[in-house]
PDB file of all heavy atoms in Angstrom:
ATOM      1  N   LYS A   1     -13.840 -27.944 -24.543  1.00  0.00           N
ATOM      2  CA  LYS A   1     -13.698 -27.458 -23.173  1.00  0.00           C
ATOM      3  C   LYS A   1     -12.302 -27.799 -22.657  1.00  0.00           C
ATOM      4  O   LYS A   1     -11.825 -28.912 -22.822  1.00  0.00           O
ATOM      5  CB  LYS A   1     -14.754 -28.101 -22.265  1.00  0.00           C
ATOM      6  CG  LYS A   1     -16.163 -27.688 -22.591  1.00  0.00           C
ATOM      7  CD  LYS A   1     -16.412 -26.296 -22.111  1.00  0.00           C
ATOM      8  CE  LYS A   1     -17.867 -25.933 -22.341  1.00  0.00           C
ATOM      9  NZ  LYS A   1     -18.161 -24.586 -21.935  1.00  0.00           N
ATOM     10  N   LEU A   2     -11.668 -26.831 -22.039  1.00  0.00           N
ATOM     11  CA  LEU A   2     -10.306 -27.017 -21.533  1.00  0.00           C
ATOM     12  C   LEU A   2     -10.278 -27.335 -20.043  1.00  0.00           C
ATOM     13  O   LEU A   2      -9.218 -27.614 -19.498  1.00  0.00           O
ATOM     14  CB  LEU A   2      -9.477 -25.755 -21.794  1.00  0.00           C
ATOM     15  CG  LEU A   2      -9.309 -25.366 -23.267  1.00  0.00           C
ATOM     16  CD1 LEU A   2      -8.584 -24.038 -23.376  1.00  0.00           C
ATOM     17  CD2 LEU A   2      -8.556 -26.442 -24.011  1.00  0.00           C
ATOM     18  N   GLY A   3     -11.435 -27.265 -19.379  1.00  0.00           N
ATOM     19  CA  GLY A   3     -11.472 -27.552 -17.949  1.00  0.00           C
ATOM     20  C   GLY A   3     -10.878 -26.441 -17.116  1.00  0.00           C
ATOM     21  O   GLY A   3     -10.223 -26.685 -16.100  1.00  0.00           O
ATOM     22  N   ARG A   4     -11.099 -25.197 -17.532  1.00  0.00           N
ATOM     23  CA  ARG A   4     -10.564 -24.052 -16.802  1.00  0.00           C
ATOM     24  C   ARG A   4     -11.695 -23.119 -16.410  1.00  0.00           C
ATOM     25  O   ARG A   4     -12.719 -23.050 -17.075  1.00  0.00           O
ATOM     26  CB  ARG A   4      -9.534 -23.311 -17.640  1.00  0.00           C
ATOM     27  CG  ARG A   4      -8.345 -24.195 -17.952  1.00  0.00           C
ATOM     28  CD  ARG A   4      -7.326 -23.515 -18.787  1.00  0.00           C
ATOM     29  NE  ARG A   4      -6.314 -24.504 -19.175  1.00  0.00           N
ATOM     30  CZ  ARG A   4      -5.574 -24.400 -20.250  1.00  0.00           C
ATOM     31  NH1 ARG A   4      -5.689 -23.372 -21.040  1.00  0.00           N
ATOM     32  NH2 ARG A   4      -4.692 -25.329 -20.524  1.00  0.00           N
ATOM     33  N   ARG A   5     -11.485 -22.374 -15.338  1.00  0.00           N
ATOM     34  CA  ARG A   5     -12.501 -21.463 -14.831  1.00  0.00           C
ATOM     35  C   ARG A   5     -11.824 -20.218 -14.298  1.00  0.00           C
ATOM     36  O   ARG A   5     -10.818 -20.296 -13.604  1.00  0.00           O
ATOM     37  CB  ARG A   5     -13.292 -22.152 -13.718  1.00  0.00           C
ATOM     38  CG  ARG A   5     -14.395 -21.339 -13.120  1.00  0.00           C
ATOM     39  CD  ARG A   5     -15.260 -22.186 -12.217  1.00  0.00           C
ATOM     40  NE  ARG A   5     -14.567 -22.611 -11.025  1.00  0.00           N
ATOM     41  CZ  ARG A   5     -14.833 -22.151  -9.801  1.00  0.00           C
ATOM     42  NH1 ARG A   5     -15.794 -21.282  -9.618  1.00  0.00           N
ATOM     43  NH2 ARG A   5     -14.154 -22.580  -8.767  1.00  0.00           N
ATOM     44  N   VAL A   6     -12.369 -19.054 -14.664  1.00  0.00           N
ATOM     45  CA  VAL A   6     -11.864 -17.772 -14.179  1.00  0.00           C
ATOM     46  C   VAL A   6     -12.974 -17.096 -13.392  1.00  0.00           C
ATOM     47  O   VAL A   6     -14.102 -16.994 -13.866  1.00  0.00           O
ATOM     48  CB  VAL A   6     -11.417 -16.855 -15.341  1.00  0.00           C
ATOM     49  CG1 VAL A   6     -11.028 -15.485 -14.828  1.00  0.00           C
ATOM     50  CG2 VAL A   6     -10.266 -17.472 -16.098  1.00  0.00           C
ATOM     51  N   VAL A   7     -12.671 -16.649 -12.191  1.00  0.00           N
ATOM     52  CA  VAL A   7     -13.634 -15.941 -11.352  1.00  0.00           C
ATOM     53  C   VAL A   7     -13.068 -14.551 -11.063  1.00  0.00           C
ATOM     54  O   VAL A   7     -11.952 -14.429 -10.548  1.00  0.00           O
ATOM     55  CB  VAL A   7     -13.881 -16.688 -10.022  1.00  0.00           C
ATOM     56  CG1 VAL A   7     -14.864 -15.927  -9.158  1.00  0.00           C
ATOM     57  CG2 VAL A   7     -14.372 -18.093 -10.288  1.00  0.00           C
ATOM     58  N   ILE A   8     -13.842 -13.512 -11.414  1.00  0.00           N
ATOM     59  CA  ILE A   8     -13.448 -12.134 -11.129  1.00  0.00           C
ATOM     60  C   ILE A   8     -14.509 -11.548 -10.206  1.00  0.00           C
ATOM     61  O   ILE A   8     -15.697 -11.612 -10.492  1.00  0.00           O
ATOM     62  CB  ILE A   8     -13.323 -11.301 -12.418  1.00  0.00           C
ATOM     63  CG1 ILE A   8     -12.213 -11.877 -13.294  1.00  0.00           C
ATOM     64  CG2 ILE A   8     -13.047  -9.836 -12.087  1.00  0.00           C
ATOM     65  CD1 ILE A   8     -12.025 -11.174 -14.606  1.00  0.00           C
ATOM     66  N   LYS A   9     -14.056 -10.989  -9.086  1.00  0.00           N
ATOM     67  CA  LYS A   9     -15.003 -10.434  -8.116  1.00  0.00           C
ATOM     68  C   LYS A   9     -14.448  -9.134  -7.538  1.00  0.00           C
ATOM     69  O   LYS A   9     -13.256  -8.847  -7.644  1.00  0.00           O
ATOM     70  CB  LYS A   9     -15.290 -11.430  -7.004  1.00  0.00           C
ATOM     71  CG  LYS A   9     -14.072 -11.869  -6.237  1.00  0.00           C
ATOM     72  CD  LYS A   9     -14.406 -12.932  -5.232  1.00  0.00           C
ATOM     73  CE  LYS A   9     -13.141 -13.402  -4.537  1.00  0.00           C
ATOM     74  NZ  LYS A   9     -13.410 -14.424  -3.549  1.00  0.00           N
ATOM     75  N   ALA A  10     -15.338  -8.362  -6.926  1.00  0.00           N
ATOM     76  CA  ALA A  10     -14.940  -7.111  -6.298  1.00  0.00           C
ATOM     77  C   ALA A  10     -14.186  -7.415  -5.013  1.00  0.00           C
ATOM     78  O   ALA A  10     -14.472  -8.387  -4.321  1.00  0.00           O
ATOM     79  CB  ALA A  10     -16.164  -6.258  -6.006  1.00  0.00           C
ATOM     80  N   LYS A  11     -13.213  -6.579  -4.717  1.00  0.00           N
ATOM     81  CA  LYS A  11     -12.402  -6.775  -3.515  1.00  0.00           C
ATOM     82  C   LYS A  11     -12.145  -5.415  -2.878  1.00  0.00           C
ATOM     83  O   LYS A  11     -11.772  -4.470  -3.554  1.00  0.00           O
ATOM     84  CB  LYS A  11     -11.078  -7.430  -3.876  1.00  0.00           C
ATOM     85  CG  LYS A  11     -10.162  -7.634  -2.698  1.00  0.00           C
ATOM     86  CD  LYS A  11      -8.935  -8.410  -3.113  1.00  0.00           C
ATOM     87  CE  LYS A  11      -7.938  -8.490  -1.986  1.00  0.00           C
ATOM     88  NZ  LYS A  11      -8.298  -9.406  -0.960  1.00  0.00           N
ATOM     89  N   THR A  12     -12.348  -5.347  -1.580  1.00  0.00           N
ATOM     90  CA  THR A  12     -12.016  -4.146  -0.821  1.00  0.00           C
ATOM     91  C   THR A  12     -10.591  -4.299  -0.311  1.00  0.00           C
ATOM     92  O   THR A  12     -10.270  -5.269   0.358  1.00  0.00           O
ATOM     93  CB  THR A  12     -12.989  -3.952   0.359  1.00  0.00           C
ATOM     94  OG1 THR A  12     -14.302  -3.912  -0.168  1.00  0.00           O
ATOM     95  CG2 THR A  12     -12.715  -2.676   1.088  1.00  0.00           C
ATOM     96  N   LYS A  13      -9.738  -3.347  -0.647  1.00  0.00           N
ATOM     97  CA  LYS A  13      -8.319  -3.460  -0.320  1.00  0.00           C
ATOM     98  C   LYS A  13      -7.938  -2.812   0.999  1.00  0.00           C
ATOM     99  O   LYS A  13      -6.816  -2.929   1.432  1.00  0.00           O
ATOM    100  CB  LYS A  13      -7.486  -2.847  -1.443  1.00  0.00           C
ATOM    101  CG  LYS A  13      -7.623  -3.588  -2.756  1.00  0.00           C
ATOM    102  CD  LYS A  13      -6.710  -3.036  -3.795  1.00  0.00           C
ATOM    103  CE  LYS A  13      -7.210  -1.712  -4.290  1.00  0.00           C
ATOM    104  NZ  LYS A  13      -6.505  -1.187  -5.436  1.00  0.00           N
ATOM    105  N   SER A  14      -8.872  -2.117   1.633  1.00  0.00           N
ATOM    106  CA  SER A  14      -8.508  -1.458   2.894  1.00  0.00           C
ATOM    107  C   SER A  14      -8.660  -2.413   4.068  1.00  0.00           C
ATOM    108  O   SER A  14      -9.380  -3.396   4.000  1.00  0.00           O
ATOM    109  CB  SER A  14      -9.382  -0.226   3.108  1.00  0.00           C
ATOM    110  OG  SER A  14     -10.725  -0.608   3.253  1.00  0.00           O
ATOM    111  N   LYS A  15      -8.009  -2.117   5.160  1.00  0.00           N
ATOM    112  CA  LYS A  15      -8.052  -2.964   6.346  1.00  0.00           C
ATOM    113  C   LYS A  15      -9.303  -2.666   7.156  1.00  0.00           C
ATOM    114  O   LYS A  15      -9.909  -1.615   7.023  1.00  0.00           O
ATOM    115  CB  LYS A  15      -6.802  -2.735   7.186  1.00  0.00           C
ATOM    116  CG  LYS A  15      -5.549  -3.161   6.482  1.00  0.00           C
ATOM    117  CD  LYS A  15      -4.344  -2.921   7.336  1.00  0.00           C
ATOM    118  CE  LYS A  15      -3.099  -3.344   6.579  1.00  0.00           C
ATOM    119  NZ  LYS A  15      -1.896  -3.106   7.337  1.00  0.00           N
ATOM    120  N   ALA A  16      -9.661  -3.575   8.015  1.00  0.00           N
ATOM    121  CA  ALA A  16     -10.847  -3.406   8.863  1.00  0.00           C
ATOM    122  C   ALA A  16     -10.684  -2.187   9.765  1.00  0.00           C
ATOM    123  O   ALA A  16      -9.604  -1.929  10.289  1.00  0.00           O
ATOM    124  CB  ALA A  16     -11.063  -4.648   9.702  1.00  0.00           C
ATOM    125  N   GLY A  17     -11.771  -1.447   9.908  1.00  0.00           N
ATOM    126  CA  GLY A  17     -11.737  -0.280  10.769  1.00  0.00           C
ATOM    127  C   GLY A  17     -11.257   0.986  10.092  1.00  0.00           C
ATOM    128  O   GLY A  17     -11.292   2.057  10.664  1.00  0.00           O
ATOM    129  N   LYS A  18     -10.819   0.884   8.870  1.00  0.00           N
ATOM    130  CA  LYS A  18     -10.350   2.060   8.127  1.00  0.00           C
ATOM    131  C   LYS A  18     -11.473   2.583   7.235  1.00  0.00           C
ATOM    132  O   LYS A  18     -12.440   1.909   6.952  1.00  0.00           O
ATOM    133  CB  LYS A  18      -9.142   1.702   7.242  1.00  0.00           C
ATOM    134  CG  LYS A  18      -7.966   1.165   7.985  1.00  0.00           C
ATOM    135  CD  LYS A  18      -7.237   2.282   8.679  1.00  0.00           C
ATOM    136  CE  LYS A  18      -6.005   1.717   9.376  1.00  0.00           C
ATOM    137  NZ  LYS A  18      -5.199   2.708   9.955  1.00  0.00           N
ATOM    138  N   ASP A  19     -11.301   3.791   6.729  1.00  0.00           N
ATOM    139  CA  ASP A  19     -12.262   4.388   5.818  1.00  0.00           C
ATOM    140  C   ASP A  19     -12.154   3.694   4.456  1.00  0.00           C
ATOM    141  O   ASP A  19     -11.061   3.409   3.978  1.00  0.00           O
ATOM    142  CB  ASP A  19     -11.962   5.877   5.671  1.00  0.00           C
ATOM    143  CG  ASP A  19     -13.021   6.599   4.854  1.00  0.00           C
ATOM    144  OD1 ASP A  19     -14.114   6.027   4.680  1.00  0.00           O
ATOM    145  OD2 ASP A  19     -12.748   7.725   4.424  1.00  0.00           O
ATOM    146  N   HIS A  20     -13.283   3.419   3.808  1.00  0.00           N
ATOM    147  CA  HIS A  20     -13.308   2.692   2.537  1.00  0.00           C
ATOM    148  C   HIS A  20     -13.295   3.607   1.322  1.00  0.00           C
ATOM    149  O   HIS A  20     -13.553   3.152   0.219  1.00  0.00           O
ATOM    150  CB  HIS A  20     -14.551   1.796   2.467  1.00  0.00           C
ATOM    151  CG  HIS A  20     -14.509   0.662   3.441  1.00  0.00           C
ATOM    152  ND1 HIS A  20     -13.758  -0.457   3.247  1.00  0.00           N
ATOM    153  CD2 HIS A  20     -15.118   0.489   4.638  1.00  0.00           C
ATOM    154  CE1 HIS A  20     -13.910  -1.275   4.258  1.00  0.00           C
ATOM    155  NE2 HIS A  20     -14.735  -0.719   5.125  1.00  0.00           N
ATOM    156  N   SER A  21     -13.028   4.877   1.467  1.00  0.00           N
ATOM    157  CA  SER A  21     -13.141   5.802   0.345  1.00  0.00           C
ATOM    158  C   SER A  21     -12.098   5.514  -0.730  1.00  0.00           C
ATOM    159  O   SER A  21     -10.904   5.608  -0.496  1.00  0.00           O
ATOM    160  CB  SER A  21     -12.979   7.238   0.837  1.00  0.00           C
ATOM    161  OG  SER A  21     -11.723   7.400   1.438  1.00  0.00           O
ATOM    162  N   GLY A  22     -12.568   5.139  -1.918  1.00  0.00           N
ATOM    163  CA  GLY A  22     -11.695   4.935  -3.070  1.00  0.00           C
ATOM    164  C   GLY A  22     -10.728   3.789  -2.959  1.00  0.00           C
ATOM    165  O   GLY A  22      -9.704   3.788  -3.620  1.00  0.00           O
ATOM    166  N   SER A  23     -11.023   2.802  -2.152  1.00  0.00           N
ATOM    167  CA  SER A  23     -10.055   1.730  -1.954  1.00  0.00           C
ATOM    168  C   SER A  23     -10.597   0.372  -2.384  1.00  0.00           C
ATOM    169  O   SER A  23     -10.350  -0.622  -1.760  1.00  0.00           O
ATOM    170  CB  SER A  23      -9.635   1.679  -0.487  1.00  0.00           C
ATOM    171  OG  SER A  23     -10.770   1.452   0.319  1.00  0.00           O
ATOM    172  N   SER A  24     -11.375   0.352  -3.453  1.00  0.00           N
ATOM    173  CA  SER A  24     -11.893  -0.923  -3.931  1.00  0.00           C
ATOM    174  C   SER A  24     -11.164  -1.323  -5.198  1.00  0.00           C
ATOM    175  O   SER A  24     -10.504  -0.514  -5.838  1.00  0.00           O
ATOM    176  CB  SER A  24     -13.401  -0.835  -4.186  1.00  0.00           C
ATOM    177  OG  SER A  24     -13.642   0.097  -5.206  1.00  0.00           O
ATOM    178  N   GLY A  25     -11.281  -2.584  -5.571  1.00  0.00           N
ATOM    179  CA  GLY A  25     -10.629  -3.082  -6.767  1.00  0.00           C
ATOM    180  C   GLY A  25     -11.246  -4.396  -7.185  1.00  0.00           C
ATOM    181  O   GLY A  25     -12.351  -4.738  -6.771  1.00  0.00           O
ATOM    182  N   LYS A  26     -10.547  -5.143  -8.012  1.00  0.00           N
ATOM    183  CA  LYS A  26     -11.005  -6.445  -8.484  1.00  0.00           C
ATOM    184  C   LYS A  26      -9.956  -7.487  -8.159  1.00  0.00           C
ATOM    185  O   LYS A  26      -8.769  -7.199  -8.062  1.00  0.00           O
ATOM    186  CB  LYS A  26     -11.225  -6.440 -10.005  1.00  0.00           C
ATOM    187  CG  LYS A  26     -12.260  -5.473 -10.489  1.00  0.00           C
ATOM    188  CD  LYS A  26     -13.634  -6.018 -10.274  1.00  0.00           C
ATOM    189  CE  LYS A  26     -14.628  -5.060 -10.906  1.00  0.00           C
ATOM    190  NZ  LYS A  26     -15.983  -5.423 -10.707  1.00  0.00           N
ATOM    191  N   GLU A  27     -10.425  -8.725  -8.021  1.00  0.00           N
ATOM    192  CA  GLU A  27      -9.531  -9.853  -7.814  1.00  0.00           C
ATOM    193  C   GLU A  27      -9.949 -10.960  -8.768  1.00  0.00           C
ATOM    194  O   GLU A  27     -11.131 -11.252  -8.906  1.00  0.00           O
ATOM    195  CB  GLU A  27      -9.610 -10.344  -6.379  1.00  0.00           C
ATOM    196  CG  GLU A  27      -8.683 -11.509  -6.108  1.00  0.00           C
ATOM    197  CD  GLU A  27      -8.757 -11.975  -4.669  1.00  0.00           C
ATOM    198  OE1 GLU A  27      -9.866 -11.975  -4.109  1.00  0.00           O
ATOM    199  OE2 GLU A  27      -7.717 -12.354  -4.136  1.00  0.00           O
ATOM    200  N   GLY A  28      -8.993 -11.558  -9.432  1.00  0.00           N
ATOM    201  CA  GLY A  28      -9.261 -12.646 -10.359  1.00  0.00           C
ATOM    202  C   GLY A  28      -8.504 -13.897  -9.967  1.00  0.00           C
ATOM    203  O   GLY A  28      -7.353 -13.821  -9.536  1.00  0.00           O
ATOM    204  N   VAL A  29      -9.177 -15.049 -10.117  1.00  0.00           N
ATOM    205  CA  VAL A  29      -8.562 -16.330  -9.783  1.00  0.00           C
ATOM    206  C   VAL A  29      -8.763 -17.267 -10.963  1.00  0.00           C
ATOM    207  O   VAL A  29      -9.867 -17.367 -11.503  1.00  0.00           O
ATOM    208  CB  VAL A  29      -9.185 -16.949  -8.510  1.00  0.00           C
ATOM    209  CG1 VAL A  29      -8.471 -18.227  -8.140  1.00  0.00           C
ATOM    210  CG2 VAL A  29      -9.151 -15.972  -7.360  1.00  0.00           C
ATOM    211  N   LEU A  30      -7.704 -17.954 -11.373  1.00  0.00           N
ATOM    212  CA  LEU A  30      -7.752 -18.930 -12.464  1.00  0.00           C
ATOM    213  C   LEU A  30      -7.611 -20.317 -11.872  1.00  0.00           C
ATOM    214  O   LEU A  30      -6.641 -20.602 -11.174  1.00  0.00           O
ATOM    215  CB  LEU A  30      -6.618 -18.671 -13.459  1.00  0.00           C
ATOM    216  CG  LEU A  30      -6.405 -19.703 -14.566  1.00  0.00           C
ATOM    217  CD1 LEU A  30      -7.615 -19.773 -15.481  1.00  0.00           C
ATOM    218  CD2 LEU A  30      -5.163 -19.387 -15.359  1.00  0.00           C
ATOM    219  N   TYR A  31      -8.616 -21.166 -12.136  1.00  0.00           N
ATOM    220  CA  TYR A  31      -8.610 -22.551 -11.674  1.00  0.00           C
ATOM    221  C   TYR A  31      -8.469 -23.473 -12.882  1.00  0.00           C
ATOM    222  O   TYR A  31      -9.064 -23.231 -13.922  1.00  0.00           O
ATOM    223  CB  TYR A  31      -9.913 -22.903 -10.953  1.00  0.00           C
ATOM    224  CG  TYR A  31     -10.175 -22.108  -9.708  1.00  0.00           C
ATOM    225  CD1 TYR A  31     -11.039 -21.031  -9.724  1.00  0.00           C
ATOM    226  CD2 TYR A  31      -9.566 -22.444  -8.507  1.00  0.00           C
ATOM    227  CE1 TYR A  31     -11.301 -20.293  -8.575  1.00  0.00           C
ATOM    228  CE2 TYR A  31      -9.814 -21.713  -7.350  1.00  0.00           C
ATOM    229  CZ  TYR A  31     -10.691 -20.646  -7.401  1.00  0.00           C
ATOM    230  OH  TYR A  31     -10.936 -19.917  -6.269  1.00  0.00           O
ATOM    231  N   VAL A  32      -7.703 -24.551 -12.724  1.00  0.00           N
ATOM    232  CA  VAL A  32      -7.538 -25.572 -13.753  1.00  0.00           C
ATOM    233  C   VAL A  32      -7.955 -26.903 -13.150  1.00  0.00           C
ATOM    234  O   VAL A  32      -7.559 -27.238 -12.031  1.00  0.00           O
ATOM    235  CB  VAL A  32      -6.076 -25.635 -14.249  1.00  0.00           C
ATOM    236  CG1 VAL A  32      -5.897 -26.744 -15.265  1.00  0.00           C
ATOM    237  CG2 VAL A  32      -5.653 -24.306 -14.835  1.00  0.00           C
ATOM    238  N   THR A  33      -8.767 -27.681 -13.899  1.00  0.00           N
ATOM    239  CA  THR A  33      -9.206 -28.985 -13.431  1.00  0.00           C
ATOM    240  C   THR A  33      -8.161 -30.027 -13.800  1.00  0.00           C
ATOM    241  O   THR A  33      -7.833 -30.209 -14.968  1.00  0.00           O
ATOM    242  CB  THR A  33     -10.562 -29.362 -14.048  1.00  0.00           C
ATOM    243  OG1 THR A  33     -11.504 -28.337 -13.733  1.00  0.00           O
ATOM    244  CG2 THR A  33     -11.061 -30.680 -13.517  1.00  0.00           C
ATOM    245  N   VAL A  34      -7.631 -30.711 -12.778  1.00  0.00           N
ATOM    246  CA  VAL A  34      -6.632 -31.756 -12.969  1.00  0.00           C
ATOM    247  C   VAL A  34      -7.143 -33.016 -12.278  1.00  0.00           C
ATOM    248  O   VAL A  34      -7.315 -33.023 -11.060  1.00  0.00           O
ATOM    249  CB  VAL A  34      -5.261 -31.337 -12.375  1.00  0.00           C
ATOM    250  CG1 VAL A  34      -4.243 -32.447 -12.538  1.00  0.00           C
ATOM    251  CG2 VAL A  34      -4.783 -30.056 -13.000  1.00  0.00           C
ATOM    252  N   GLU A  35      -7.407 -34.048 -13.052  1.00  0.00           N
ATOM    253  CA  GLU A  35      -7.886 -35.336 -12.534  1.00  0.00           C
ATOM    254  C   GLU A  35      -9.125 -35.164 -11.646  1.00  0.00           C
ATOM    255  O   GLU A  35      -9.236 -35.757 -10.580  1.00  0.00           O
ATOM    256  CB  GLU A  35      -6.779 -36.060 -11.772  1.00  0.00           C
ATOM    257  CG  GLU A  35      -5.581 -36.394 -12.636  1.00  0.00           C
ATOM    258  CD  GLU A  35      -4.457 -37.023 -11.840  1.00  0.00           C
ATOM    259  OE1 GLU A  35      -4.597 -37.208 -10.613  1.00  0.00           O
ATOM    260  OE2 GLU A  35      -3.423 -37.326 -12.456  1.00  0.00           O
ATOM    261  N   GLY A  36     -10.055 -34.322 -12.069  1.00  0.00           N
ATOM    262  CA  GLY A  36     -11.300 -34.127 -11.346  1.00  0.00           C
ATOM    263  C   GLY A  36     -11.235 -33.139 -10.195  1.00  0.00           C
ATOM    264  O   GLY A  36     -12.246 -32.850  -9.573  1.00  0.00           O
ATOM    265  N   GLN A  37     -10.067 -32.605  -9.894  1.00  0.00           N
ATOM    266  CA  GLN A  37      -9.896 -31.649  -8.797  1.00  0.00           C
ATOM    267  C   GLN A  37      -9.541 -30.277  -9.369  1.00  0.00           C
ATOM    268  O   GLN A  37      -8.724 -30.180 -10.279  1.00  0.00           O
ATOM    269  CB  GLN A  37      -8.778 -32.097  -7.852  1.00  0.00           C
ATOM    270  CG  GLN A  37      -9.012 -33.429  -7.204  1.00  0.00           C
ATOM    271  CD  GLN A  37     -10.125 -33.355  -6.165  1.00  0.00           C
ATOM    272  OE1 GLN A  37     -10.297 -32.348  -5.495  1.00  0.00           O
ATOM    273  NE2 GLN A  37     -10.895 -34.427  -6.049  1.00  0.00           N
ATOM    274  N   GLU A  38     -10.152 -29.221  -8.822  1.00  0.00           N
ATOM    275  CA  GLU A  38      -9.800 -27.872  -9.246  1.00  0.00           C
ATOM    276  C   GLU A  38      -8.576 -27.384  -8.482  1.00  0.00           C
ATOM    277  O   GLU A  38      -8.525 -27.441  -7.260  1.00  0.00           O
ATOM    278  CB  GLU A  38     -10.959 -26.904  -8.997  1.00  0.00           C
ATOM    279  CG  GLU A  38     -11.940 -26.878 -10.116  1.00  0.00           C
ATOM    280  CD  GLU A  38     -12.856 -25.675 -10.032  1.00  0.00           C
ATOM    281  OE1 GLU A  38     -12.908 -25.013  -8.991  1.00  0.00           O
ATOM    282  OE2 GLU A  38     -13.521 -25.426 -11.024  1.00  0.00           O
ATOM    283  N   VAL A  39      -7.587 -26.908  -9.227  1.00  0.00           N
ATOM    284  CA  VAL A  39      -6.344 -26.417  -8.648  1.00  0.00           C
ATOM    285  C   VAL A  39      -6.202 -24.944  -9.018  1.00  0.00           C
ATOM    286  O   VAL A  39      -6.371 -24.572 -10.178  1.00  0.00           O
ATOM    287  CB  VAL A  39      -5.133 -27.207  -9.192  1.00  0.00           C
ATOM    288  CG1 VAL A  39      -3.834 -26.683  -8.613  1.00  0.00           C
ATOM    289  CG2 VAL A  39      -5.295 -28.689  -8.916  1.00  0.00           C
ATOM    290  N   GLU A  40      -5.894 -24.106  -8.041  1.00  0.00           N
ATOM    291  CA  GLU A  40      -5.694 -22.683  -8.306  1.00  0.00           C
ATOM    292  C   GLU A  40      -4.334 -22.488  -8.958  1.00  0.00           C
ATOM    293  O   GLU A  40      -3.306 -22.883  -8.413  1.00  0.00           O
ATOM    294  CB  GLU A  40      -5.765 -21.895  -7.006  1.00  0.00           C
ATOM    295  CG  GLU A  40      -5.599 -20.419  -7.188  1.00  0.00           C
ATOM    296  CD  GLU A  40      -5.658 -19.666  -5.878  1.00  0.00           C
ATOM    297  OE1 GLU A  40      -6.542 -19.955  -5.051  1.00  0.00           O
ATOM    298  OE2 GLU A  40      -4.795 -18.788  -5.686  1.00  0.00           O
ATOM    299  N   LYS A  41      -4.319 -21.857 -10.140  1.00  0.00           N
ATOM    300  CA  LYS A  41      -3.065 -21.637 -10.867  1.00  0.00           C
ATOM    301  C   LYS A  41      -2.578 -20.200 -10.781  1.00  0.00           C
ATOM    302  O   LYS A  41      -1.382 -19.949 -10.861  1.00  0.00           O
ATOM    303  CB  LYS A  41      -3.235 -22.013 -12.349  1.00  0.00           C
ATOM    304  CG  LYS A  41      -3.299 -23.497 -12.579  1.00  0.00           C
ATOM    305  CD  LYS A  41      -1.966 -24.133 -12.271  1.00  0.00           C
ATOM    306  CE  LYS A  41      -1.975 -25.600 -12.590  1.00  0.00           C
ATOM    307  NZ  LYS A  41      -0.711 -26.234 -12.312  1.00  0.00           N
ATOM    308  N   ALA A  42      -3.506 -19.248 -10.653  1.00  0.00           N
ATOM    309  CA  ALA A  42      -3.088 -17.842 -10.593  1.00  0.00           C
ATOM    310  C   ALA A  42      -4.112 -17.037  -9.816  1.00  0.00           C
ATOM    311  O   ALA A  42      -5.303 -17.301  -9.893  1.00  0.00           O
ATOM    312  CB  ALA A  42      -2.943 -17.273 -11.997  1.00  0.00           C
ATOM    313  N   ARG A  43      -3.614 -16.046  -9.078  1.00  0.00           N
ATOM    314  CA  ARG A  43      -4.474 -15.115  -8.344  1.00  0.00           C
ATOM    315  C   ARG A  43      -3.895 -13.722  -8.548  1.00  0.00           C
ATOM    316  O   ARG A  43      -2.705 -13.494  -8.298  1.00  0.00           O
ATOM    317  CB  ARG A  43      -4.519 -15.458  -6.864  1.00  0.00           C
ATOM    318  CG  ARG A  43      -5.400 -14.537  -6.039  1.00  0.00           C
ATOM    319  CD  ARG A  43      -5.429 -14.952  -4.582  1.00  0.00           C
ATOM    320  NE  ARG A  43      -6.096 -16.225  -4.411  1.00  0.00           N
ATOM    321  CZ  ARG A  43      -7.390 -16.356  -4.103  1.00  0.00           C
ATOM    322  NH1 ARG A  43      -8.131 -15.289  -3.947  1.00  0.00           N
ATOM    323  NH2 ARG A  43      -7.919 -17.555  -3.950  1.00  0.00           N
ATOM    324  N   VAL A  44      -4.746 -12.791  -9.007  1.00  0.00           N
ATOM    325  CA  VAL A  44      -4.301 -11.439  -9.313  1.00  0.00           C
ATOM    326  C   VAL A  44      -5.276 -10.442  -8.700  1.00  0.00           C
ATOM    327  O   VAL A  44      -6.486 -10.627  -8.798  1.00  0.00           O
ATOM    328  CB  VAL A  44      -4.248 -11.208 -10.849  1.00  0.00           C
ATOM    329  CG1 VAL A  44      -3.854  -9.785 -11.158  1.00  0.00           C
ATOM    330  CG2 VAL A  44      -3.300 -12.180 -11.510  1.00  0.00           C
ATOM    331  N   ALA A  45      -4.757  -9.404  -8.075  1.00  0.00           N
ATOM    332  CA  ALA A  45      -5.578  -8.304  -7.574  1.00  0.00           C
ATOM    333  C   ALA A  45      -5.122  -7.030  -8.259  1.00  0.00           C
ATOM    334  O   ALA A  45      -3.929  -6.835  -8.512  1.00  0.00           O
ATOM    335  CB  ALA A  45      -5.434  -8.172  -6.064  1.00  0.00           C
TER     336      ALA A  45
END
């Protein structure tokens, strides 16, 4: 085990109050455990 975690989730890219047609995507976050604490190393949309 390397102590790393990747979370990929759905993300709506449009602003509040706007139409949501075709404006969804994914967002991924990479966390690394350092001395018992999770630290975010990368975030990609």
